[in-house]
Structures are given as structure tokens and as C-alpha cells.
Amino acid sequence: MTKFLLILHLCSVVQGACYESTITGFTFKTHYECATAGYKLAGATLDQLANNDVYYGMERVEKEKLAIKFECKELDTKMIVPPKKPKTTT
């Protein structure tokens, strides 16, 4: 069975690099579900950064041209089934 893990990356267009990643812990059955959630969560996260004047704020978002990139990492979740125990004779 395959699952998709949503990962967010905080990037600066000015620096041309992403310098912080967050594993959201959200998993999805399909790539489509993961991607649509990624767009929504990336937008909401950028809004939170812009409205957080303590560390980021709109000024820093604009100055560094911050953006949220996301990826849907495919995970192979094969079930591990232990071998059958041998029969014992008594």
C-alpha cells in the first residue's frame, strides 16, 4: 500500500534557497489528495507567517520574498508479516 506524506519547505526567492522544512505528519491515500491539501496548507502557513509580527511579519515576507513550497513524498507501507511458527510434535 502506498501513502503520501506532506512536507512543507520555507523558501526565500531572494536567496534562491529553502532553509526550513516541516514534516506535517499528514498522510494521504492519493497524490491528488496530498497535493490539494499541500496548496491549502501552504497558503494558510504563508498567511500565518505574514501575520506573525514577533518573528516574521509582512515586512519580512515581502523583503525576503518568502514562499512555501511543498512536496508529497511517496511512502511504501508494505505490511511485514512474520513467518509461521513451525509445528511442534508432542
N, C-alpha and C. Protein backbone atom coordinates (compact mmCIF):
# COMPACT_ATOMS: atom_id res chain seq x y z
N MET A 1 0.85 -1.17 0.00
CA MET A 1 0.00 0.00 0.00
C MET A 1 0.89 1.24 0.00
N THR A 2 0.52 2.23 -0.79
CA THR A 2 1.30 3.46 -0.88
C THR A 2 0.56 4.58 -0.18
N LYS A 3 1.31 5.42 0.53
CA LYS A 3 0.78 6.62 1.16
C LYS A 3 1.66 7.79 0.74
N PHE A 4 1.12 8.99 0.88
CA PHE A 4 1.86 10.20 0.55
C PHE A 4 1.95 11.09 1.79
N LEU A 5 3.16 11.48 2.15
CA LEU A 5 3.44 12.32 3.31
C LEU A 5 3.64 13.75 2.84
N LEU A 6 2.93 14.70 3.46
CA LEU A 6 3.03 16.11 3.09
C LEU A 6 4.16 16.78 3.87
N ILE A 7 5.09 17.39 3.14
CA ILE A 7 6.22 18.10 3.73
C ILE A 7 6.21 19.53 3.20
N LEU A 8 6.34 20.50 4.11
CA LEU A 8 6.39 21.91 3.74
C LEU A 8 7.82 22.43 3.84
N HIS A 9 8.20 23.32 2.92
CA HIS A 9 9.53 23.93 2.93
C HIS A 9 9.36 25.45 2.90
N LEU A 10 10.03 26.15 3.82
CA LEU A 10 10.03 27.61 3.83
C LEU A 10 11.19 28.08 2.95
N CYS A 11 10.88 28.84 1.92
CA CYS A 11 11.88 29.25 0.93
C CYS A 11 11.92 30.77 0.80
N SER A 12 13.07 31.27 0.38
CA SER A 12 13.24 32.67 0.07
C SER A 12 13.58 32.79 -1.41
N VAL A 13 12.75 33.51 -2.14
CA VAL A 13 13.01 33.72 -3.56
C VAL A 13 14.26 34.57 -3.73
N VAL A 14 14.48 35.53 -2.83
CA VAL A 14 15.66 36.39 -2.89
C VAL A 14 16.93 35.57 -2.76
N GLN A 15 16.97 34.66 -1.79
CA GLN A 15 18.16 33.83 -1.58
C GLN A 15 18.22 32.65 -2.53
N GLY A 16 17.10 32.32 -3.14
CA GLY A 16 17.06 31.18 -4.05
C GLY A 16 17.27 29.86 -3.34
N ALA A 17 16.80 29.79 -2.10
CA ALA A 17 17.01 28.56 -1.32
C ALA A 17 15.87 28.36 -0.34
N CYS A 18 15.71 27.11 0.04
CA CYS A 18 14.75 26.74 1.10
C CYS A 18 15.57 26.38 2.32
N TYR A 19 15.25 26.99 3.46
CA TYR A 19 16.10 26.77 4.63
C TYR A 19 15.37 26.21 5.83
N GLU A 20 14.17 25.79 5.67
CA GLU A 20 13.47 25.16 6.79
C GLU A 20 12.41 24.22 6.23
N SER A 21 12.37 23.01 6.75
CA SER A 21 11.37 22.03 6.31
C SER A 21 10.58 21.54 7.51
N THR A 22 9.33 21.24 7.28
CA THR A 22 8.46 20.72 8.34
C THR A 22 7.72 19.50 7.82
N ILE A 23 7.87 18.39 8.50
CA ILE A 23 7.08 17.21 8.19
C ILE A 23 5.76 17.40 8.92
N THR A 24 4.69 17.51 8.16
CA THR A 24 3.39 17.84 8.76
C THR A 24 2.79 16.70 9.56
N GLY A 25 3.13 15.48 9.20
CA GLY A 25 2.51 14.32 9.84
C GLY A 25 1.23 13.89 9.16
N PHE A 26 0.78 14.68 8.17
CA PHE A 26 -0.41 14.32 7.42
C PHE A 26 -0.05 13.33 6.33
N THR A 27 -0.78 12.23 6.24
CA THR A 27 -0.59 11.27 5.15
C THR A 27 -1.89 11.13 4.38
N PHE A 28 -1.75 10.79 3.12
CA PHE A 28 -2.90 10.71 2.22
C PHE A 28 -2.83 9.44 1.40
N LYS A 29 -3.98 8.97 0.96
CA LYS A 29 -4.05 7.75 0.17
C LYS A 29 -3.63 7.99 -1.28
N THR A 30 -3.85 9.22 -1.78
CA THR A 30 -3.53 9.51 -3.18
C THR A 30 -2.66 10.76 -3.28
N HIS A 31 -1.93 10.86 -4.39
CA HIS A 31 -1.12 12.05 -4.65
C HIS A 31 -2.02 13.27 -4.79
N TYR A 32 -3.15 13.11 -5.45
CA TYR A 32 -4.08 14.22 -5.64
C TYR A 32 -4.54 14.80 -4.30
N GLU A 33 -4.93 13.94 -3.36
CA GLU A 33 -5.37 14.40 -2.04
C GLU A 33 -4.25 15.16 -1.34
N CYS A 34 -3.03 14.64 -1.45
CA CYS A 34 -1.88 15.27 -0.82
C CYS A 34 -1.61 16.64 -1.46
N ALA A 35 -1.63 16.69 -2.78
CA ALA A 35 -1.33 17.94 -3.49
C ALA A 35 -2.35 19.03 -3.19
N THR A 36 -3.62 18.69 -3.20
CA THR A 36 -4.64 19.70 -2.92
C THR A 36 -4.53 20.20 -1.48
N ALA A 37 -4.24 19.30 -0.56
CA ALA A 37 -4.04 19.71 0.84
C ALA A 37 -2.77 20.56 0.95
N GLY A 38 -1.75 20.22 0.18
CA GLY A 38 -0.50 20.98 0.19
C GLY A 38 -0.70 22.42 -0.21
N TYR A 39 -1.48 22.66 -1.27
CA TYR A 39 -1.76 24.03 -1.70
C TYR A 39 -2.50 24.81 -0.60
N LYS A 40 -3.49 24.18 0.00
CA LYS A 40 -4.26 24.85 1.06
C LYS A 40 -3.38 25.15 2.27
N LEU A 41 -2.61 24.16 2.71
CA LEU A 41 -1.78 24.34 3.90
C LEU A 41 -0.65 25.32 3.65
N ALA A 42 -0.08 25.32 2.45
CA ALA A 42 0.99 26.27 2.11
C ALA A 42 0.46 27.69 2.17
N GLY A 43 -0.73 27.92 1.61
CA GLY A 43 -1.33 29.25 1.65
C GLY A 43 -1.63 29.71 3.07
N ALA A 44 -2.19 28.81 3.87
CA ALA A 44 -2.51 29.14 5.26
C ALA A 44 -1.24 29.42 6.07
N THR A 45 -0.18 28.67 5.79
CA THR A 45 1.08 28.86 6.51
C THR A 45 1.70 30.21 6.16
N LEU A 46 1.67 30.59 4.89
CA LEU A 46 2.20 31.89 4.49
C LEU A 46 1.41 33.02 5.13
N ASP A 47 0.10 32.86 5.22
CA ASP A 47 -0.74 33.85 5.91
C ASP A 47 -0.32 33.98 7.37
N GLN A 48 -0.08 32.86 8.04
CA GLN A 48 0.34 32.89 9.44
C GLN A 48 1.68 33.59 9.60
N LEU A 49 2.62 33.33 8.69
CA LEU A 49 3.93 34.00 8.76
C LEU A 49 3.78 35.50 8.58
N ALA A 50 2.96 35.91 7.64
CA ALA A 50 2.77 37.33 7.36
C ALA A 50 2.11 38.05 8.54
N ASN A 51 1.25 37.36 9.25
CA ASN A 51 0.53 37.97 10.37
C ASN A 51 1.23 37.80 11.71
N ASN A 52 2.42 37.16 11.73
CA ASN A 52 3.17 36.94 12.96
C ASN A 52 4.27 37.99 13.06
N ASP A 53 3.96 39.11 13.70
CA ASP A 53 4.93 40.21 13.79
C ASP A 53 6.07 39.94 14.76
N VAL A 54 5.97 38.91 15.56
CA VAL A 54 7.02 38.61 16.53
C VAL A 54 8.30 38.16 15.83
N TYR A 55 8.18 37.27 14.86
CA TYR A 55 9.38 36.75 14.20
C TYR A 55 9.40 37.05 12.71
N TYR A 56 8.30 36.84 12.02
CA TYR A 56 8.27 37.05 10.58
C TYR A 56 7.60 38.38 10.24
N GLY A 57 6.33 38.38 10.10
CA GLY A 57 5.60 39.59 9.76
C GLY A 57 5.62 39.86 8.26
N MET A 58 4.68 40.70 7.83
CA MET A 58 4.53 41.02 6.42
C MET A 58 5.80 41.66 5.85
N GLU A 59 6.46 42.50 6.64
CA GLU A 59 7.67 43.18 6.15
C GLU A 59 8.75 42.17 5.76
N ARG A 60 8.97 41.17 6.61
CA ARG A 60 10.00 40.16 6.30
C ARG A 60 9.56 39.27 5.14
N VAL A 61 8.28 38.92 5.10
CA VAL A 61 7.77 38.11 4.00
C VAL A 61 8.02 38.82 2.67
N GLU A 62 7.76 40.14 2.64
CA GLU A 62 7.97 40.92 1.42
C GLU A 62 9.46 41.13 1.11
N LYS A 63 10.24 41.46 2.13
CA LYS A 63 11.66 41.74 1.92
C LYS A 63 12.41 40.51 1.39
N GLU A 64 12.17 39.35 2.00
CA GLU A 64 12.86 38.12 1.61
C GLU A 64 12.10 37.34 0.54
N LYS A 65 10.91 37.83 0.19
CA LYS A 65 10.03 37.15 -0.76
C LYS A 65 9.88 35.68 -0.36
N LEU A 66 9.38 35.49 0.86
CA LEU A 66 9.20 34.14 1.39
C LEU A 66 8.07 33.43 0.66
N ALA A 67 8.22 32.15 0.49
CA ALA A 67 7.21 31.32 -0.15
C ALA A 67 7.24 29.94 0.51
N ILE A 68 6.13 29.27 0.45
CA ILE A 68 6.04 27.91 0.99
C ILE A 68 5.97 26.95 -0.18
N LYS A 69 6.94 26.07 -0.24
CA LYS A 69 6.96 25.01 -1.24
C LYS A 69 6.53 23.73 -0.51
N PHE A 70 5.91 22.82 -1.21
CA PHE A 70 5.54 21.57 -0.56
C PHE A 70 5.87 20.40 -1.46
N GLU A 71 5.97 19.24 -0.85
CA GLU A 71 6.15 18.01 -1.61
C GLU A 71 5.30 16.92 -0.99
N CYS A 72 4.91 16.00 -1.82
CA CYS A 72 4.17 14.82 -1.38
C CYS A 72 5.10 13.63 -1.57
N LYS A 73 5.72 13.22 -0.48
CA LYS A 73 6.70 12.13 -0.53
C LYS A 73 5.98 10.79 -0.49
N GLU A 74 6.25 9.98 -1.49
CA GLU A 74 5.61 8.68 -1.58
C GLU A 74 6.28 7.71 -0.61
N LEU A 75 5.46 7.06 0.19
CA LEU A 75 5.95 6.08 1.17
C LEU A 75 5.40 4.72 0.82
N ASP A 76 6.26 3.74 0.84
CA ASP A 76 5.82 2.37 0.61
C ASP A 76 5.55 1.76 1.98
N THR A 77 4.35 1.42 2.24
CA THR A 77 3.97 0.91 3.56
C THR A 77 3.60 -0.56 3.47
N LYS A 78 4.53 -1.36 3.05
CA LYS A 78 4.27 -2.81 2.98
C LYS A 78 4.12 -3.35 4.39
N MET A 79 3.17 -4.22 4.53
CA MET A 79 2.99 -4.87 5.83
C MET A 79 4.03 -5.97 5.98
N ILE A 80 4.61 -6.02 7.15
CA ILE A 80 5.57 -7.08 7.44
C ILE A 80 4.84 -8.18 8.19
N VAL A 81 4.82 -9.34 7.57
CA VAL A 81 4.13 -10.48 8.18
C VAL A 81 5.19 -11.47 8.61
N PRO A 82 5.24 -11.77 9.90
CA PRO A 82 6.25 -12.72 10.36
C PRO A 82 5.98 -14.12 9.81
N PRO A 83 7.03 -14.92 9.64
CA PRO A 83 6.81 -16.28 9.13
C PRO A 83 6.02 -17.12 10.14
N LYS A 84 5.35 -18.13 9.63
CA LYS A 84 4.59 -19.01 10.51
C LYS A 84 5.55 -19.80 11.40
N LYS A 85 5.10 -20.03 12.62
CA LYS A 85 5.92 -20.81 13.55
C LYS A 85 5.85 -22.28 13.15
N PRO A 86 6.97 -22.97 13.30
CA PRO A 86 6.94 -24.40 12.95
C PRO A 86 6.05 -25.18 13.92
N LYS A 87 5.45 -26.23 13.42
CA LYS A 87 4.62 -27.07 14.28
C LYS A 87 5.52 -27.89 15.19
N THR A 88 5.06 -28.04 16.40
CA THR A 88 5.82 -28.88 17.34
C THR A 88 5.07 -30.19 17.55
N THR A 89 5.82 -31.24 17.72
CA THR A 89 5.20 -32.53 17.96
C THR A 89 5.40 -32.90 19.42
N THR A 90 4.37 -33.46 20.00
CA THR A 90 4.47 -33.89 21.41
C THR A 90 4.13 -35.33 21.58
